[in-house]
Amino acid sequence: MGGILYTILIGAVIGVLARFFKPGADPMGWILTILLGIAGSWIGTYVSAALSIGNRFVGFAISILCAIALLFLYEAVRKKTPKPV
């Protein structure tokens, strides 16, 4: 049970920091923010391991950067097409 709560907490922190550092409005709720942070953390952990980075602070920063990249991807996929007049 503690592992799930820890994952949600870290996902929320990373998701909020990613949305804070990325400029522009990101219309998403808190559940998507947590899911974005969890996905960014998971990808960041994989990238840190692939680059043999053992420093936890650097790994945390890489997780935030991965979450920012996912936020750009989410924005590109969700971008609405203009309605014809």
Protein backbone atom coordinates (compact mmCIF):
# COMPACT_ATOMS: atom_id res chain seq x y z
CA MET A 1 0.00 0.00 0.00
CA GLY A 2 2.86 2.36 0.81
CA GLY A 3 4.43 1.82 -2.60
CA ILE A 4 1.29 2.93 -4.41
CA LEU A 5 0.92 6.06 -2.29
CA TYR A 6 4.61 6.87 -2.77
CA THR A 7 4.24 6.46 -6.53
CA ILE A 8 1.21 8.78 -6.59
CA LEU A 9 3.00 11.36 -4.42
CA ILE A 10 6.16 11.37 -6.54
CA GLY A 11 4.04 11.44 -9.71
CA ALA A 12 2.15 14.46 -8.39
CA VAL A 13 5.37 16.30 -7.49
CA ILE A 14 7.05 15.60 -10.82
CA GLY A 15 3.86 16.40 -12.78
CA VAL A 16 3.35 19.72 -10.99
CA LEU A 17 7.00 20.70 -11.45
CA ALA A 18 6.84 19.81 -15.15
CA ARG A 19 3.73 21.95 -15.60
CA PHE A 20 5.41 24.76 -13.64
CA PHE A 21 8.58 24.78 -15.77
CA LYS A 22 6.84 24.43 -19.15
CA PRO A 23 5.56 27.76 -20.42
CA GLY A 24 1.98 28.14 -21.58
CA ALA A 25 -1.40 26.94 -20.40
CA ASP A 26 -1.86 23.20 -20.01
CA PRO A 27 -5.57 22.39 -19.68
CA MET A 28 -5.48 19.14 -17.73
CA GLY A 29 -6.76 18.04 -14.37
CA TRP A 30 -4.89 16.76 -11.38
CA ILE A 31 -5.35 13.09 -12.33
CA LEU A 32 -3.67 13.63 -15.70
CA THR A 33 -0.95 15.64 -13.96
CA ILE A 34 -0.24 12.71 -11.63
CA LEU A 35 -0.26 10.24 -14.54
CA LEU A 36 2.08 12.53 -16.47
CA GLY A 37 4.43 12.66 -13.49
CA ILE A 38 4.35 8.89 -13.01
CA ALA A 39 5.11 8.30 -16.70
CA GLY A 40 7.87 10.94 -16.64
CA SER A 41 9.37 9.36 -13.56
CA TRP A 42 9.29 5.89 -15.08
CA ILE A 43 10.92 7.07 -18.33
CA GLY A 44 13.42 9.20 -16.39
CA THR A 45 14.42 6.19 -14.28
CA TYR A 46 14.97 4.15 -17.44
CA VAL A 47 17.05 6.94 -19.05
CA SER A 48 19.10 7.41 -15.86
CA ALA A 49 19.83 3.69 -15.71
CA ALA A 50 20.74 3.60 -19.42
CA LEU A 51 23.18 6.49 -18.89
CA SER A 52 24.56 4.91 -15.67
CA ILE A 53 23.65 7.92 -13.55
CA GLY A 54 23.66 7.04 -9.88
CA ASN A 55 22.97 10.50 -8.43
CA ARG A 56 19.35 10.69 -7.21
CA PHE A 57 19.11 14.47 -7.71
CA VAL A 58 20.18 14.19 -11.34
CA GLY A 59 17.76 11.28 -11.81
CA PHE A 60 14.96 13.43 -10.36
CA ALA A 61 15.86 16.25 -12.77
CA ILE A 62 15.86 13.81 -15.69
CA SER A 63 12.41 12.61 -14.61
CA ILE A 64 11.13 16.19 -14.66
CA LEU A 65 12.65 16.74 -18.13
CA CYS A 66 10.98 13.56 -19.37
CA ALA A 67 7.66 14.73 -17.93
CA ILE A 68 8.09 18.07 -19.72
CA ALA A 69 8.73 16.20 -22.98
CA LEU A 70 5.57 14.16 -22.37
CA LEU A 71 3.69 17.40 -21.72
CA PHE A 72 4.79 18.75 -25.11
CA LEU A 73 3.74 15.46 -26.70
CA TYR A 74 0.36 15.58 -24.95
CA GLU A 75 -0.16 19.15 -26.16
CA ALA A 76 0.70 18.20 -29.74
CA VAL A 77 -1.69 15.23 -29.73
CA ARG A 78 -4.50 17.14 -28.03
CA LYS A 79 -4.19 20.26 -30.20
CA LYS A 80 -7.60 21.06 -31.61
CA THR A 81 -8.11 21.80 -35.26
CA PRO A 82 -9.80 25.12 -36.00
CA LYS A 83 -13.49 24.91 -36.82
CA PRO A 84 -14.41 25.89 -40.38
CA VAL A 85 -16.34 29.11 -40.67
